[in-house]
Every structure is written in C-alpha cells, then in structure tokens.
C-alpha cells in the first residue's frame, strides 16, 4: 500500500486519467473529489462489496427462465 500525505486542494494522479483531490478535512473525516473517465466506475467500498454480493447471489439464482417468463406475463396483464 502506498501512503501519501496531502493537504486540502492537493491531488494525486492514478494512471493517466484518474485524479483524486482532497476537498475538505474535518476532524477524522476527509472529503475527496474524484475525476475519472465515464467508463470507470467509482464506488465507496461498502457499496462495491454489496454490489459484488448481489451479483454473486444473482449468479447462484435457480430462478428458471420459464418462471421469469410467467412472472412478466402476469405483470403485463395487470
């Protein structure tokens, strides 16, 4: 792990196209600004882990295509 010290309004560059800027420091909280290309997703770690968990659950799902089709047909009738 690389550990850097930065002050407010200072930045670090990751690769050629990701910039992380220290926006504000209050007590034990640091507010970051992240500039990255639109094709790169940026998430807080806890959100990223939740997405991974949901994706794993979906991949393990035993929901059959026929069940899904029947579900959507019922939805369209209503």
PDB file of N, CA and C in Angstrom:
ATOM      1  N   UNK A   1       0.848  -1.173   0.000  1.00  0.00           N
ATOM      2  CA  UNK A   1       0.000   0.000   0.000  1.00  0.00           C
ATOM      3  C   UNK A   1       0.893   1.236   0.000  1.00  0.00           C
ATOM      4  N   UNK A   2       0.572   2.158  -0.856  1.00  0.00           N
ATOM      5  CA  UNK A   2       1.264   3.445  -0.904  1.00  0.00           C
ATOM      6  C   UNK A   2       0.523   4.404   0.013  1.00  0.00           C
ATOM      7  N   UNK A   3       1.223   5.054   0.917  1.00  0.00           N
ATOM      8  CA  UNK A   3       0.617   6.020   1.828  1.00  0.00           C
ATOM      9  C   UNK A   3       1.197   7.395   1.511  1.00  0.00           C
ATOM     10  N   UNK A   4       0.303   8.349   1.233  1.00  0.00           N
ATOM     11  CA  UNK A   4       0.723   9.706   0.884  1.00  0.00           C
ATOM     12  C   UNK A   4       0.111  10.706   1.848  1.00  0.00           C
ATOM     13  N   UNK A   5       0.781  11.814   2.030  1.00  0.00           N
ATOM     14  CA  UNK A   5       0.236  12.926   2.801  1.00  0.00           C
ATOM     15  C   UNK A   5      -0.141  14.030   1.827  1.00  0.00           C
ATOM     16  N   UNK A   6      -1.359  14.494   1.924  1.00  0.00           N
ATOM     17  CA  UNK A   6      -1.838  15.571   1.062  1.00  0.00           C
ATOM     18  C   UNK A   6      -2.574  16.591   1.921  1.00  0.00           C
ATOM     19  N   UNK A   7      -2.592  17.824   1.491  1.00  0.00           N
ATOM     20  CA  UNK A   7      -3.338  18.894   2.157  1.00  0.00           C
ATOM     21  C   UNK A   7      -4.554  19.246   1.311  1.00  0.00           C
ATOM     22  N   UNK A   8      -5.434  20.049   1.875  1.00  0.00           N
ATOM     23  CA  UNK A   8      -6.632  20.494   1.152  1.00  0.00           C
ATOM     24  C   UNK A   8      -6.236  21.086  -0.203  1.00  0.00           C
ATOM     25  N   UNK A   9      -7.010  20.723  -1.213  1.00  0.00           N
ATOM     26  CA  UNK A   9      -6.821  21.157  -2.605  1.00  0.00           C
ATOM     27  C   UNK A   9      -5.611  20.525  -3.292  1.00  0.00           C
ATOM     28  N   UNK A  10      -4.930  19.597  -2.632  1.00  0.00           N
ATOM     29  CA  UNK A  10      -3.855  18.866  -3.292  1.00  0.00           C
ATOM     30  C   UNK A  10      -4.428  17.568  -3.855  1.00  0.00           C
ATOM     31  N   UNK A  11      -3.763  17.025  -4.854  1.00  0.00           N
ATOM     32  CA  UNK A  11      -4.287  15.859  -5.569  1.00  0.00           C
ATOM     33  C   UNK A  11      -3.231  14.785  -5.721  1.00  0.00           C
ATOM     34  N   UNK A  12      -3.732  13.603  -6.095  1.00  0.00           N
ATOM     35  CA  UNK A  12      -2.858  12.536  -6.581  1.00  0.00           C
ATOM     36  C   UNK A  12      -3.423  12.099  -7.931  1.00  0.00           C
ATOM     37  N   UNK A  13      -2.577  11.577  -8.775  1.00  0.00           N
ATOM     38  CA  UNK A  13      -2.974  11.099 -10.089  1.00  0.00           C
ATOM     39  C   UNK A  13      -2.750   9.594 -10.130  1.00  0.00           C
ATOM     40  N   UNK A  14      -3.766   8.862 -10.592  1.00  0.00           N
ATOM     41  CA  UNK A  14      -3.670   7.413 -10.741  1.00  0.00           C
ATOM     42  C   UNK A  14      -3.732   7.105 -12.231  1.00  0.00           C
ATOM     43  N   UNK A  15      -2.683   6.463 -12.733  1.00  0.00           N
ATOM     44  CA  UNK A  15      -2.618   6.227 -14.179  1.00  0.00           C
ATOM     45  C   UNK A  15      -2.542   7.553 -14.904  1.00  0.00           C
ATOM     46  N   UNK A  16      -3.139   7.602 -16.092  1.00  0.00           N
ATOM     47  CA  UNK A  16      -3.123   8.827 -16.887  1.00  0.00           C
ATOM     48  C   UNK A  16      -4.400   9.632 -16.755  1.00  0.00           C
ATOM     49  N   UNK A  17      -5.456   9.046 -16.151  1.00  0.00           N
ATOM     50  CA  UNK A  17      -6.745   9.724 -16.268  1.00  0.00           C
ATOM     51  C   UNK A  17      -7.620   9.708 -15.019  1.00  0.00           C
ATOM     52  N   UNK A  18      -7.057   9.400 -13.851  1.00  0.00           N
ATOM     53  CA  UNK A  18      -7.832   9.453 -12.612  1.00  0.00           C
ATOM     54  C   UNK A  18      -7.132  10.421 -11.663  1.00  0.00           C
ATOM     55  N   UNK A  19      -7.901  11.383 -11.186  1.00  0.00           N
ATOM     56  CA  UNK A  19      -7.361  12.397 -10.281  1.00  0.00           C
ATOM     57  C   UNK A  19      -8.190  12.386  -8.997  1.00  0.00           C
ATOM     58  N   UNK A  20      -7.517  12.278  -7.846  1.00  0.00           N
ATOM     59  CA  UNK A  20      -8.173  12.306  -6.545  1.00  0.00           C
ATOM     60  C   UNK A  20      -7.692  13.559  -5.824  1.00  0.00           C
ATOM     61  N   UNK A  21      -8.639  14.422  -5.450  1.00  0.00           N
ATOM     62  CA  UNK A  21      -8.322  15.697  -4.825  1.00  0.00           C
ATOM     63  C   UNK A  21      -8.887  15.740  -3.415  1.00  0.00           C
ATOM     64  N   UNK A  22      -8.105  16.244  -2.462  1.00  0.00           N
ATOM     65  CA  UNK A  22      -8.599  16.462  -1.112  1.00  0.00           C
ATOM     66  C   UNK A  22      -9.426  17.742  -1.153  1.00  0.00           C
ATOM     67  N   UNK A  23     -10.725  17.602  -0.902  1.00  0.00           N
ATOM     68  CA  UNK A  23     -11.636  18.744  -0.973  1.00  0.00           C
ATOM     69  C   UNK A  23     -11.771  19.417   0.393  1.00  0.00           C
ATOM     70  N   UNK A  24     -11.871  18.589   1.443  1.00  0.00           N
ATOM     71  CA  UNK A  24     -12.089  19.143   2.774  1.00  0.00           C
ATOM     72  C   UNK A  24     -11.617  18.141   3.828  1.00  0.00           C
ATOM     73  N   UNK A  25     -11.120  18.672   4.935  1.00  0.00           N
ATOM     74  CA  UNK A  25     -10.745  17.840   6.076  1.00  0.00           C
ATOM     75  C   UNK A  25     -11.426  18.427   7.301  1.00  0.00           C
ATOM     76  N   UNK A  26     -12.254  17.586   7.969  1.00  0.00           N
ATOM     77  CA  UNK A  26     -12.945  17.999   9.189  1.00  0.00           C
ATOM     78  C   UNK A  26     -12.786  16.906  10.223  1.00  0.00           C
ATOM     79  N   UNK A  27     -12.033  17.150  11.265  1.00  0.00           N
ATOM     80  CA  UNK A  27     -11.829  16.134  12.290  1.00  0.00           C
ATOM     81  C   UNK A  27     -11.213  14.886  11.695  1.00  0.00           C
ATOM     82  N   UNK A  28     -11.910  13.750  11.866  1.00  0.00           N
ATOM     83  CA  UNK A  28     -11.379  12.488  11.333  1.00  0.00           C
ATOM     84  C   UNK A  28     -11.992  12.117   9.990  1.00  0.00           C
ATOM     85  N   UNK A  29     -12.652  13.081   9.331  1.00  0.00           N
ATOM     86  CA  UNK A  29     -13.232  12.831   8.012  1.00  0.00           C
ATOM     87  C   UNK A  29     -12.506  13.630   6.941  1.00  0.00           C
ATOM     88  N   UNK A  30     -12.359  12.980   5.796  1.00  0.00           N
ATOM     89  CA  UNK A  30     -11.729  13.614   4.645  1.00  0.00           C
ATOM     90  C   UNK A  30     -12.717  13.530   3.483  1.00  0.00           C
ATOM     91  N   UNK A  31     -12.980  14.648   2.833  1.00  0.00           N
ATOM     92  CA  UNK A  31     -13.862  14.666   1.667  1.00  0.00           C
ATOM     93  C   UNK A  31     -12.983  14.670   0.421  1.00  0.00           C
ATOM     94  N   UNK A  32     -13.214  13.675  -0.447  1.00  0.00           N
ATOM     95  CA  UNK A  32     -12.422  13.516  -1.663  1.00  0.00           C
ATOM     96  C   UNK A  32     -13.236  13.877  -2.895  1.00  0.00           C
ATOM     97  N   UNK A  33     -12.581  14.441  -3.860  1.00  0.00           N
ATOM     98  CA  UNK A  33     -13.168  14.642  -5.182  1.00  0.00           C
ATOM     99  C   UNK A  33     -12.434  13.729  -6.144  1.00  0.00           C
ATOM    100  N   UNK A  34     -13.179  12.997  -6.959  1.00  0.00           N
ATOM    101  CA  UNK A  34     -12.558  12.043  -7.880  1.00  0.00           C
ATOM    102  C   UNK A  34     -12.972  12.377  -9.304  1.00  0.00           C
ATOM    103  N   UNK A  35     -11.992  12.581 -10.149  1.00  0.00           N
ATOM    104  CA  UNK A  35     -12.230  12.811 -11.563  1.00  0.00           C
ATOM    105  C   UNK A  35     -11.725  11.590 -12.313  1.00  0.00           C
ATOM    106  N   UNK A  36     -12.645  10.943 -13.037  1.00  0.00           N
ATOM    107  CA  UNK A  36     -12.290   9.728 -13.774  1.00  0.00           C
ATOM    108  C   UNK A  36     -13.131   9.659 -15.039  1.00  0.00           C
ATOM    109  N   UNK A  37     -12.665   8.929 -16.044  1.00  0.00           N
ATOM    110  CA  UNK A  37     -13.468   8.749 -17.257  1.00  0.00           C
ATOM    111  C   UNK A  37     -14.802   8.082 -16.926  1.00  0.00           C
ATOM    112  N   UNK A  38     -15.798   8.355 -17.748  1.00  0.00           N
ATOM    113  CA  UNK A  38     -17.139   7.811 -17.513  1.00  0.00           C
ATOM    114  C   UNK A  38     -17.180   6.293 -17.542  1.00  0.00           C
ATOM    115  N   UNK A  39     -16.247   5.653 -18.223  1.00  0.00           N
ATOM    116  CA  UNK A  39     -16.270   4.195 -18.304  1.00  0.00           C
ATOM    117  C   UNK A  39     -15.626   3.514 -17.089  1.00  0.00           C
ATOM    118  N   UNK A  40     -15.153   4.303 -16.136  1.00  0.00           N
ATOM    119  CA  UNK A  40     -14.586   3.755 -14.904  1.00  0.00           C
ATOM    120  C   UNK A  40     -15.560   4.025 -13.768  1.00  0.00           C
ATOM    121  N   UNK A  41     -16.017   2.947 -13.124  1.00  0.00           N
ATOM    122  CA  UNK A  41     -16.945   3.123 -12.018  1.00  0.00           C
ATOM    123  C   UNK A  41     -16.170   3.425 -10.742  1.00  0.00           C
ATOM    124  N   UNK A  42     -16.763   4.292  -9.925  1.00  0.00           N
ATOM    125  CA  UNK A  42     -16.168   4.673  -8.653  1.00  0.00           C
ATOM    126  C   UNK A  42     -17.240   4.474  -7.588  1.00  0.00           C
ATOM    127  N   UNK A  43     -16.947   3.648  -6.588  1.00  0.00           N
ATOM    128  CA  UNK A  43     -17.891   3.366  -5.507  1.00  0.00           C
ATOM    129  C   UNK A  43     -17.170   3.434  -4.171  1.00  0.00           C
ATOM    130  N   UNK A  44     -17.927   3.763  -3.127  1.00  0.00           N
ATOM    131  CA  UNK A  44     -17.401   3.560  -1.778  1.00  0.00           C
ATOM    132  C   UNK A  44     -17.237   2.056  -1.596  1.00  0.00           C
ATOM    133  N   UNK A  45     -16.286   1.636  -0.778  1.00  0.00           N
ATOM    134  CA  UNK A  45     -16.002   0.213  -0.637  1.00  0.00           C
ATOM    135  C   UNK A  45     -17.225  -0.579  -0.199  1.00  0.00           C
ATOM    136  N   UNK A  46     -17.995  -0.075   0.757  1.00  0.00           N
ATOM    137  CA  UNK A  46     -19.142  -0.838   1.240  1.00  0.00           C
ATOM    138  C   UNK A  46     -20.204  -1.016   0.154  1.00  0.00           C
ATOM    139  N   UNK A  47     -20.343  -0.046  -0.733  1.00  0.00           N
ATOM    140  CA  UNK A  47     -21.277  -0.169  -1.854  1.00  0.00           C
ATOM    141  C   UNK A  47     -20.745  -1.180  -2.860  1.00  0.00           C
ATOM    142  N   UNK A  48     -19.460  -1.119  -3.145  1.00  0.00           N
ATOM    143  CA  UNK A  48     -18.838  -2.072  -4.065  1.00  0.00           C
ATOM    144  C   UNK A  48     -19.022  -3.508  -3.570  1.00  0.00           C
ATOM    145  N   UNK A  49     -18.788  -3.721  -2.278  1.00  0.00           N
ATOM    146  CA  UNK A  49     -18.937  -5.071  -1.720  1.00  0.00           C
ATOM    147  C   UNK A  49     -20.383  -5.545  -1.792  1.00  0.00           C
ATOM    148  N   UNK A  50     -21.339  -4.646  -1.579  1.00  0.00           N
ATOM    149  CA  UNK A  50     -22.757  -5.008  -1.685  1.00  0.00           C
ATOM    150  C   UNK A  50     -23.112  -5.376  -3.123  1.00  0.00           C
ATOM    151  N   UNK A  51     -22.606  -4.637  -4.087  1.00  0.00           N
ATOM    152  CA  UNK A  51     -22.835  -4.952  -5.498  1.00  0.00           C
ATOM    153  C   UNK A  51     -22.270  -6.331  -5.819  1.00  0.00           C
ATOM    154  N   UNK A  52     -21.064  -6.612  -5.339  1.00  0.00           N
ATOM    155  CA  UNK A  52     -20.451  -7.919  -5.576  1.00  0.00           C
ATOM    156  C   UNK A  52     -21.294  -9.042  -4.964  1.00  0.00           C
ATOM    157  N   UNK A  53     -21.803  -8.802  -3.751  1.00  0.00           N
ATOM    158  CA  UNK A  53     -22.628  -9.805  -3.077  1.00  0.00           C
ATOM    159  C   UNK A  53     -23.911 -10.055  -3.857  1.00  0.00           C
ATOM    160  N   UNK A  54     -24.566  -8.991  -4.306  1.00  0.00           N
ATOM    161  CA  UNK A  54     -25.801  -9.124  -5.084  1.00  0.00           C
ATOM    162  C   UNK A  54     -25.540  -9.844  -6.405  1.00  0.00           C
ATOM    163  N   UNK A  55     -24.429  -9.535  -7.047  1.00  0.00           N
ATOM    164  CA  UNK A  55     -24.083 -10.212  -8.301  1.00  0.00           C
ATOM    165  C   UNK A  55     -23.856 -11.701  -8.074  1.00  0.00           C
ATOM    166  N   UNK A  56     -23.196 -12.033  -6.968  1.00  0.00           N
ATOM    167  CA  UNK A  56     -22.955 -13.443  -6.658  1.00  0.00           C
ATOM    168  C   UNK A  56     -24.269 -14.168  -6.407  1.00  0.00           C
ATOM    169  N   UNK A  57     -25.170 -13.523  -5.658  1.00  0.00           N
ATOM    170  CA  UNK A  57     -26.483 -14.130  -5.401  1.00  0.00           C
ATOM    171  C   UNK A  57     -27.252 -14.328  -6.703  1.00  0.00           C
ATOM    172  N   UNK A  58     -27.188 -13.355  -7.588  1.00  0.00           N
ATOM    173  CA  UNK A  58     -27.892 -13.475  -8.873  1.00  0.00           C
ATOM    174  C   UNK A  58     -27.302 -14.608  -9.707  1.00  0.00           C
ATOM    175  N   UNK A  59     -25.995 -14.751  -9.679  1.00  0.00           N
ATOM    176  CA  UNK A  59     -25.339 -15.811 -10.446  1.00  0.00           C
ATOM    177  C   UNK A  59     -25.705 -17.190  -9.906  1.00  0.00           C
ATOM    178  N   UNK A  60     -25.983 -17.271  -8.615  1.00  0.00           N
ATOM    179  CA  UNK A  60     -26.333 -18.544  -7.992  1.00  0.00           C
ATOM    180  C   UNK A  60     -27.832 -18.820  -8.031  1.00  0.00           C
ATOM    181  N   UNK A  61     -28.595 -17.873  -8.525  1.00  0.00           N
ATOM    182  CA  UNK A  61     -30.052 -17.999  -8.535  1.00  0.00           C
ATOM    183  C   UNK A  61     -30.492 -19.218  -9.329  1.00  0.00           C
ATOM    184  N   UNK A  62     -31.520 -19.879  -8.823  1.00  0.00           N
ATOM    185  CA  UNK A  62     -32.066 -21.042  -9.516  1.00  0.00           C
ATOM    186  C   UNK A  62     -33.373 -20.694 -10.221  1.00  0.00           C
ATOM    187  N   UNK A  63     -33.662 -19.415 -10.342  1.00  0.00           N
ATOM    188  CA  UNK A  63     -34.879 -18.970 -10.986  1.00  0.00           C
ATOM    189  C   UNK A  63     -34.845 -19.392 -12.450  1.00  0.00           C
ATOM    190  N   UNK A  64     -35.807 -20.145 -12.864  1.00  0.00           N
ATOM    191  CA  UNK A  64     -35.844 -20.674 -14.229  1.00  0.00           C
ATOM    192  C   UNK A  64     -36.410 -19.640 -15.203  1.00  0.00           C
ATOM    193  N   UNK A  65     -35.995 -19.739 -16.444  1.00  0.00           N
ATOM    194  CA  UNK A  65     -36.463 -18.832 -17.490  1.00  0.00           C
ATOM    195  C   UNK A  65     -37.977 -18.912 -17.629  1.00  0.00           C
ATOM    196  N   UNK A  66     -38.546 -20.109 -17.540  1.00  0.00           N
ATOM    197  CA  UNK A  66     -39.994 -20.251 -17.660  1.00  0.00           C
ATOM    198  C   UNK A  66     -40.722 -19.535 -16.518  1.00  0.00           C
ATOM    199  N   UNK A  67     -40.164 -19.599 -15.319  1.00  0.00           N
ATOM    200  CA  UNK A  67     -40.758 -18.896 -14.181  1.00  0.00           C
ATOM    201  C   UNK A  67     -40.704 -17.389 -14.404  1.00  0.00           C
ATOM    202  N   UNK A  68     -39.594 -16.922 -14.903  1.00  0.00           N
ATOM    203  CA  UNK A  68     -39.433 -15.499 -15.174  1.00  0.00           C
ATOM    204  C   UNK A  68     -40.419 -15.050 -16.247  1.00  0.00           C
ATOM    205  N   UNK A  69     -40.569 -15.824 -17.301  1.00  0.00           N
ATOM    206  CA  UNK A  69     -41.498 -15.505 -18.376  1.00  0.00           C
ATOM    207  C   UNK A  69     -42.929 -15.433 -17.830  1.00  0.00           C
ATOM    208  N   UNK A  70     -43.319 -16.382 -17.005  1.00  0.00           N
ATOM    209  CA  UNK A  70     -44.659 -16.391 -16.415  1.00  0.00           C
ATOM    210  C   UNK A  70     -44.849 -15.167 -15.530  1.00  0.00           C
ATOM    211  N   UNK A  71     -43.841 -14.800 -14.788  1.00  0.00           N
ATOM    212  CA  UNK A  71     -43.905 -13.616 -13.926  1.00  0.00           C
ATOM    213  C   UNK A  71     -44.181 -12.365 -14.759  1.00  0.00           C
ATOM    214  N   UNK A  72     -43.447 -12.177 -15.858  1.00  0.00           N
ATOM    215  CA  UNK A  72     -43.604 -10.985 -16.685  1.00  0.00           C
ATOM    216  C   UNK A  72     -44.959 -10.982 -17.397  1.00  0.00           C
ATOM    217  N   UNK A  73     -45.432 -12.129 -17.785  1.00  0.00           N
ATOM    218  CA  UNK A  73     -46.749 -12.193 -18.422  1.00  0.00           C
ATOM    219  C   UNK A  73     -47.832 -11.769 -17.442  1.00  0.00           C
ATOM    220  N   UNK A  74     -47.735 -12.186 -16.190  1.00  0.00           N
ATOM    221  CA  UNK A  74     -48.703 -11.766 -15.164  1.00  0.00           C
ATOM    222  C   UNK A  74     -48.631 -10.262 -14.962  1.00  0.00           C
ATOM    223  N   UNK A  75     -47.416  -9.693 -14.957  1.00  0.00           N
ATOM    224  CA  UNK A  75     -47.228  -8.252 -14.769  1.00  0.00           C
ATOM    225  C   UNK A  75     -47.886  -7.464 -15.904  1.00  0.00           C
ATOM    226  N   UNK A  76     -47.794  -7.971 -17.124  1.00  0.00           N
ATOM    227  CA  UNK A  76     -48.329  -7.260 -18.284  1.00  0.00           C
ATOM    228  C   UNK A  76     -49.853  -7.300 -18.308  1.00  0.00           C
ATOM    229  N   UNK A  77     -50.453  -8.328 -17.754  1.00  0.00           N
ATOM    230  CA  UNK A  77     -51.914  -8.449 -17.715  1.00  0.00           C
ATOM    231  C   UNK A  77     -52.511  -7.412 -16.785  1.00  0.00           C
ATOM    232  N   UNK A  78     -51.858  -7.120 -15.683  1.00  0.00           N
ATOM    233  CA  UNK A  78     -52.379  -6.189 -14.675  1.00  0.00           C
ATOM    234  C   UNK A  78     -52.374  -4.797 -15.155  1.00  0.00           C
TER     235      UNK A  78
END
